[in-house]
Amino acid sequence: MMERIRAVAFVATLLLVVMAMADGQTICNMPVSALMECKPAVTPPKPPPPTPSCCSSLSHADMRCLCSYKNSNLLPSLGIDPKLAMQLPTICKLPHPAKC
């Protein structure tokens, strides 16, 4: 179950970076600007905790949609640690997502 949560967070972060420049766009029911709120929390070496805004936005995201991006190799190439991204739902105290 923890792996599913991590996959969802990983996907959310991937989408954050890919669409960061697209104002007004939403990805998996999450505005790109909201995804940007999560980026510092998944960027090494010393990430801060996710902001309340990040957690709130992630709580409204379509987790199944986010799971569809879980195997992308883009995150590491953008300086995002997939392990940190996959921890976001747990840190944000979100319910477990559907199977990824």
N, C-alpha and C. Protein backbone atom coordinates (compact mmCIF):
# COMPACT_ATOMS: atom_id res chain seq x y z
N MET A 1 0.83 -1.18 0.00
CA MET A 1 0.00 0.00 0.00
C MET A 1 0.88 1.25 0.00
N MET A 2 1.98 1.23 0.73
CA MET A 2 2.89 2.38 0.76
C MET A 2 3.45 2.63 -0.64
N GLU A 3 3.69 1.56 -1.39
CA GLU A 3 4.22 1.73 -2.73
C GLU A 3 3.24 2.47 -3.63
N ARG A 4 1.96 2.21 -3.45
CA ARG A 4 0.95 2.91 -4.24
C ARG A 4 0.95 4.40 -3.91
N ILE A 5 1.07 4.72 -2.66
CA ILE A 5 1.11 6.12 -2.26
C ILE A 5 2.34 6.79 -2.86
N ARG A 6 3.44 6.13 -2.80
CA ARG A 6 4.66 6.69 -3.37
C ARG A 6 4.53 6.88 -4.87
N ALA A 7 3.90 5.94 -5.54
CA ALA A 7 3.72 6.07 -6.98
C ALA A 7 2.87 7.28 -7.32
N VAL A 8 1.85 7.52 -6.54
CA VAL A 8 0.98 8.67 -6.79
C VAL A 8 1.76 9.97 -6.61
N ALA A 9 2.52 10.05 -5.57
CA ALA A 9 3.31 11.26 -5.33
C ALA A 9 4.34 11.46 -6.42
N PHE A 10 4.95 10.39 -6.85
CA PHE A 10 5.92 10.45 -7.93
C PHE A 10 5.29 11.03 -9.17
N VAL A 11 4.13 10.55 -9.50
CA VAL A 11 3.42 11.02 -10.68
C VAL A 11 3.05 12.48 -10.55
N ALA A 12 2.57 12.87 -9.40
CA ALA A 12 2.19 14.27 -9.18
C ALA A 12 3.38 15.19 -9.41
N THR A 13 4.51 14.78 -8.92
CA THR A 13 5.69 15.60 -9.08
C THR A 13 6.15 15.64 -10.52
N LEU A 14 6.08 14.53 -11.20
CA LEU A 14 6.44 14.49 -12.61
C LEU A 14 5.59 15.48 -13.39
N LEU A 15 4.34 15.45 -13.15
CA LEU A 15 3.44 16.35 -13.86
C LEU A 15 3.72 17.80 -13.50
N LEU A 16 4.07 18.02 -12.29
CA LEU A 16 4.42 19.36 -11.84
C LEU A 16 5.50 19.96 -12.71
N VAL A 17 6.54 19.23 -12.91
CA VAL A 17 7.69 19.74 -13.64
C VAL A 17 7.39 19.87 -15.13
N VAL A 18 6.75 18.89 -15.69
CA VAL A 18 6.47 18.88 -17.12
C VAL A 18 5.58 20.06 -17.51
N MET A 19 4.63 20.37 -16.68
CA MET A 19 3.66 21.39 -17.03
C MET A 19 3.86 22.72 -16.29
N ALA A 20 4.99 22.90 -15.69
CA ALA A 20 5.23 24.07 -14.84
C ALA A 20 5.01 25.39 -15.56
N MET A 21 5.24 25.43 -16.82
CA MET A 21 5.11 26.67 -17.56
C MET A 21 3.72 26.89 -18.15
N ALA A 22 2.82 25.98 -17.97
CA ALA A 22 1.50 26.06 -18.58
C ALA A 22 0.48 26.60 -17.59
N ASP A 23 0.37 27.92 -17.49
CA ASP A 23 -0.57 28.54 -16.56
C ASP A 23 -2.00 28.18 -16.94
N GLY A 24 -2.82 27.97 -15.93
CA GLY A 24 -4.22 27.67 -16.15
C GLY A 24 -4.50 26.23 -16.50
N GLN A 25 -3.50 25.42 -16.66
CA GLN A 25 -3.69 24.02 -17.01
C GLN A 25 -3.90 23.21 -15.74
N THR A 26 -4.61 22.11 -15.90
CA THR A 26 -4.75 21.17 -14.80
C THR A 26 -4.26 19.81 -15.26
N ILE A 27 -3.74 19.08 -14.33
CA ILE A 27 -3.26 17.73 -14.60
C ILE A 27 -3.86 16.84 -13.53
N CYS A 28 -4.62 15.88 -13.97
CA CYS A 28 -5.23 14.93 -13.03
C CYS A 28 -6.01 15.66 -11.94
N ASN A 29 -6.77 16.66 -12.35
CA ASN A 29 -7.61 17.45 -11.45
C ASN A 29 -6.81 18.31 -10.47
N MET A 30 -5.57 18.60 -10.84
CA MET A 30 -4.70 19.40 -9.98
C MET A 30 -4.08 20.51 -10.82
N PRO A 31 -4.33 21.78 -10.48
CA PRO A 31 -3.72 22.88 -11.25
C PRO A 31 -2.20 22.78 -11.22
N VAL A 32 -1.59 23.13 -12.33
CA VAL A 32 -0.13 23.08 -12.41
C VAL A 32 0.50 23.96 -11.33
N SER A 33 -0.11 25.10 -11.07
CA SER A 33 0.43 25.97 -10.02
C SER A 33 0.42 25.27 -8.66
N ALA A 34 -0.56 24.43 -8.43
CA ALA A 34 -0.62 23.67 -7.18
C ALA A 34 0.47 22.60 -7.15
N LEU A 35 0.73 22.00 -8.29
CA LEU A 35 1.80 21.01 -8.38
C LEU A 35 3.14 21.67 -8.04
N MET A 36 3.31 22.91 -8.47
CA MET A 36 4.56 23.63 -8.20
C MET A 36 4.78 23.82 -6.70
N GLU A 37 3.71 23.89 -5.94
CA GLU A 37 3.82 24.02 -4.49
C GLU A 37 4.54 22.81 -3.88
N CYS A 38 4.47 21.68 -4.56
CA CYS A 38 5.06 20.45 -4.03
C CYS A 38 6.53 20.26 -4.42
N LYS A 39 6.99 20.98 -5.41
CA LYS A 39 8.34 20.73 -5.92
C LYS A 39 9.44 20.84 -4.87
N PRO A 40 9.48 21.88 -4.03
CA PRO A 40 10.57 21.94 -3.05
C PRO A 40 10.64 20.71 -2.13
N ALA A 41 9.50 20.12 -1.84
CA ALA A 41 9.45 18.98 -0.92
C ALA A 41 9.99 17.69 -1.54
N VAL A 42 10.24 17.71 -2.83
CA VAL A 42 10.73 16.50 -3.50
C VAL A 42 12.06 16.73 -4.22
N THR A 43 12.69 17.85 -3.90
CA THR A 43 13.96 18.20 -4.53
C THR A 43 15.09 18.08 -3.52
N PRO A 44 16.04 17.15 -3.75
CA PRO A 44 17.16 17.00 -2.83
C PRO A 44 18.10 18.21 -2.91
N PRO A 45 19.02 18.38 -1.97
CA PRO A 45 19.40 17.38 -0.98
C PRO A 45 18.65 17.51 0.35
N LYS A 46 18.15 18.68 0.69
CA LYS A 46 17.48 18.86 1.98
C LYS A 46 16.09 19.45 1.76
N PRO A 47 15.16 18.63 1.34
CA PRO A 47 13.82 19.16 1.04
C PRO A 47 13.06 19.56 2.31
N PRO A 48 12.34 20.67 2.23
CA PRO A 48 11.48 21.04 3.35
C PRO A 48 10.23 20.18 3.35
N PRO A 49 9.47 20.19 4.41
CA PRO A 49 8.20 19.46 4.39
C PRO A 49 7.27 20.08 3.35
N PRO A 50 6.33 19.31 2.82
CA PRO A 50 5.38 19.89 1.87
C PRO A 50 4.56 20.98 2.55
N THR A 51 4.21 21.98 1.79
CA THR A 51 3.40 23.07 2.33
C THR A 51 1.96 22.61 2.50
N PRO A 52 1.21 23.30 3.34
CA PRO A 52 -0.22 22.98 3.44
C PRO A 52 -0.93 23.09 2.09
N SER A 53 -0.49 24.05 1.28
CA SER A 53 -1.08 24.20 -0.05
C SER A 53 -0.81 22.98 -0.93
N CYS A 54 0.40 22.46 -0.85
CA CYS A 54 0.75 21.25 -1.60
C CYS A 54 -0.15 20.09 -1.18
N CYS A 55 -0.24 19.87 0.11
CA CYS A 55 -1.04 18.75 0.62
C CYS A 55 -2.52 18.92 0.28
N SER A 56 -3.01 20.14 0.39
CA SER A 56 -4.41 20.39 0.06
C SER A 56 -4.69 20.09 -1.41
N SER A 57 -3.81 20.56 -2.27
CA SER A 57 -3.99 20.31 -3.70
C SER A 57 -3.89 18.83 -4.03
N LEU A 58 -2.93 18.16 -3.42
CA LEU A 58 -2.76 16.73 -3.67
C LEU A 58 -3.98 15.94 -3.20
N SER A 59 -4.65 16.44 -2.18
CA SER A 59 -5.83 15.74 -1.67
C SER A 59 -7.00 15.78 -2.66
N HIS A 60 -6.98 16.72 -3.59
CA HIS A 60 -8.05 16.84 -4.59
C HIS A 60 -7.67 16.20 -5.92
N ALA A 61 -6.46 15.71 -6.03
CA ALA A 61 -5.99 15.15 -7.30
C ALA A 61 -6.65 13.81 -7.59
N ASP A 62 -6.72 13.50 -8.86
CA ASP A 62 -7.22 12.20 -9.32
C ASP A 62 -6.05 11.22 -9.22
N MET A 63 -6.04 10.44 -8.16
CA MET A 63 -4.90 9.57 -7.89
C MET A 63 -4.70 8.50 -8.97
N ARG A 64 -5.78 7.98 -9.51
CA ARG A 64 -5.62 6.98 -10.58
C ARG A 64 -4.95 7.60 -11.79
N CYS A 65 -5.34 8.82 -12.10
CA CYS A 65 -4.71 9.53 -13.21
C CYS A 65 -3.22 9.73 -12.94
N LEU A 66 -2.90 10.17 -11.75
CA LEU A 66 -1.50 10.38 -11.40
C LEU A 66 -0.70 9.08 -11.48
N CYS A 67 -1.33 7.99 -11.11
CA CYS A 67 -0.64 6.70 -11.17
C CYS A 67 -0.23 6.33 -12.59
N SER A 68 -0.95 6.84 -13.56
CA SER A 68 -0.64 6.49 -14.95
C SER A 68 0.73 7.03 -15.38
N TYR A 69 1.30 7.93 -14.62
CA TYR A 69 2.60 8.51 -14.94
C TYR A 69 3.74 7.94 -14.10
N LYS A 70 3.48 6.97 -13.30
CA LYS A 70 4.46 6.53 -12.30
C LYS A 70 5.77 5.97 -12.85
N ASN A 71 5.79 5.50 -14.06
CA ASN A 71 7.01 4.88 -14.59
C ASN A 71 7.86 5.81 -15.45
N SER A 72 7.54 7.08 -15.45
CA SER A 72 8.30 8.03 -16.26
C SER A 72 9.71 8.21 -15.70
N ASN A 73 10.65 8.41 -16.59
CA ASN A 73 12.04 8.66 -16.20
C ASN A 73 12.36 10.15 -16.13
N LEU A 74 11.36 10.98 -16.30
CA LEU A 74 11.58 12.42 -16.36
C LEU A 74 11.97 13.03 -15.02
N LEU A 75 11.38 12.57 -13.94
CA LEU A 75 11.64 13.20 -12.64
C LEU A 75 13.12 13.29 -12.29
N PRO A 76 13.85 12.19 -12.33
CA PRO A 76 15.27 12.29 -11.99
C PRO A 76 16.02 13.26 -12.90
N SER A 77 15.63 13.32 -14.16
CA SER A 77 16.32 14.22 -15.07
C SER A 77 16.02 15.69 -14.76
N LEU A 78 14.97 15.95 -13.99
CA LEU A 78 14.61 17.31 -13.61
C LEU A 78 15.03 17.64 -12.18
N GLY A 79 15.83 16.77 -11.58
CA GLY A 79 16.34 17.04 -10.24
C GLY A 79 15.39 16.67 -9.12
N ILE A 80 14.36 15.91 -9.44
CA ILE A 80 13.37 15.50 -8.44
C ILE A 80 13.65 14.06 -8.03
N ASP A 81 13.67 13.84 -6.75
CA ASP A 81 13.91 12.50 -6.20
C ASP A 81 12.59 11.73 -6.15
N PRO A 82 12.44 10.69 -6.97
CA PRO A 82 11.19 9.93 -6.99
C PRO A 82 10.82 9.36 -5.62
N LYS A 83 11.81 8.99 -4.82
CA LYS A 83 11.51 8.45 -3.49
C LYS A 83 10.86 9.51 -2.61
N LEU A 84 11.35 10.73 -2.70
CA LEU A 84 10.74 11.83 -1.94
C LEU A 84 9.33 12.10 -2.44
N ALA A 85 9.16 12.08 -3.75
CA ALA A 85 7.84 12.34 -4.33
C ALA A 85 6.83 11.30 -3.88
N MET A 86 7.27 10.07 -3.79
CA MET A 86 6.35 8.99 -3.42
C MET A 86 5.98 9.03 -1.94
N GLN A 87 6.69 9.82 -1.16
CA GLN A 87 6.38 9.95 0.26
C GLN A 87 5.35 11.04 0.55
N LEU A 88 5.07 11.89 -0.43
CA LEU A 88 4.18 13.03 -0.18
C LEU A 88 2.82 12.65 0.38
N PRO A 89 2.11 11.68 -0.20
CA PRO A 89 0.79 11.37 0.38
C PRO A 89 0.87 10.97 1.85
N THR A 90 1.86 10.21 2.22
CA THR A 90 2.00 9.81 3.62
C THR A 90 2.30 11.02 4.50
N ILE A 91 3.21 11.84 4.07
CA ILE A 91 3.56 13.04 4.84
C ILE A 91 2.36 13.97 4.97
N CYS A 92 1.56 14.04 3.90
CA CYS A 92 0.37 14.90 3.90
C CYS A 92 -0.82 14.25 4.61
N LYS A 93 -0.62 13.04 5.10
CA LYS A 93 -1.69 12.31 5.80
C LYS A 93 -2.94 12.14 4.94
N LEU A 94 -2.70 11.75 3.70
CA LEU A 94 -3.81 11.52 2.76
C LEU A 94 -4.22 10.06 2.78
N PRO A 95 -5.47 9.78 2.45
CA PRO A 95 -5.91 8.39 2.39
C PRO A 95 -5.17 7.65 1.28
N HIS A 96 -5.13 6.36 1.41
CA HIS A 96 -4.45 5.54 0.42
C HIS A 96 -5.16 5.65 -0.92
N PRO A 97 -4.41 5.83 -2.00
CA PRO A 97 -5.03 5.91 -3.33
C PRO A 97 -5.44 4.54 -3.82
N ALA A 98 -6.18 4.56 -4.92
CA ALA A 98 -6.56 3.30 -5.57
C ALA A 98 -5.29 2.61 -6.06
N LYS A 99 -5.40 1.35 -6.39
CA LYS A 99 -4.23 0.61 -6.88
C LYS A 99 -3.60 1.32 -8.06
N CYS A 100 -2.28 1.36 -8.03
CA CYS A 100 -1.54 1.93 -9.15
C CYS A 100 -1.08 0.81 -10.06
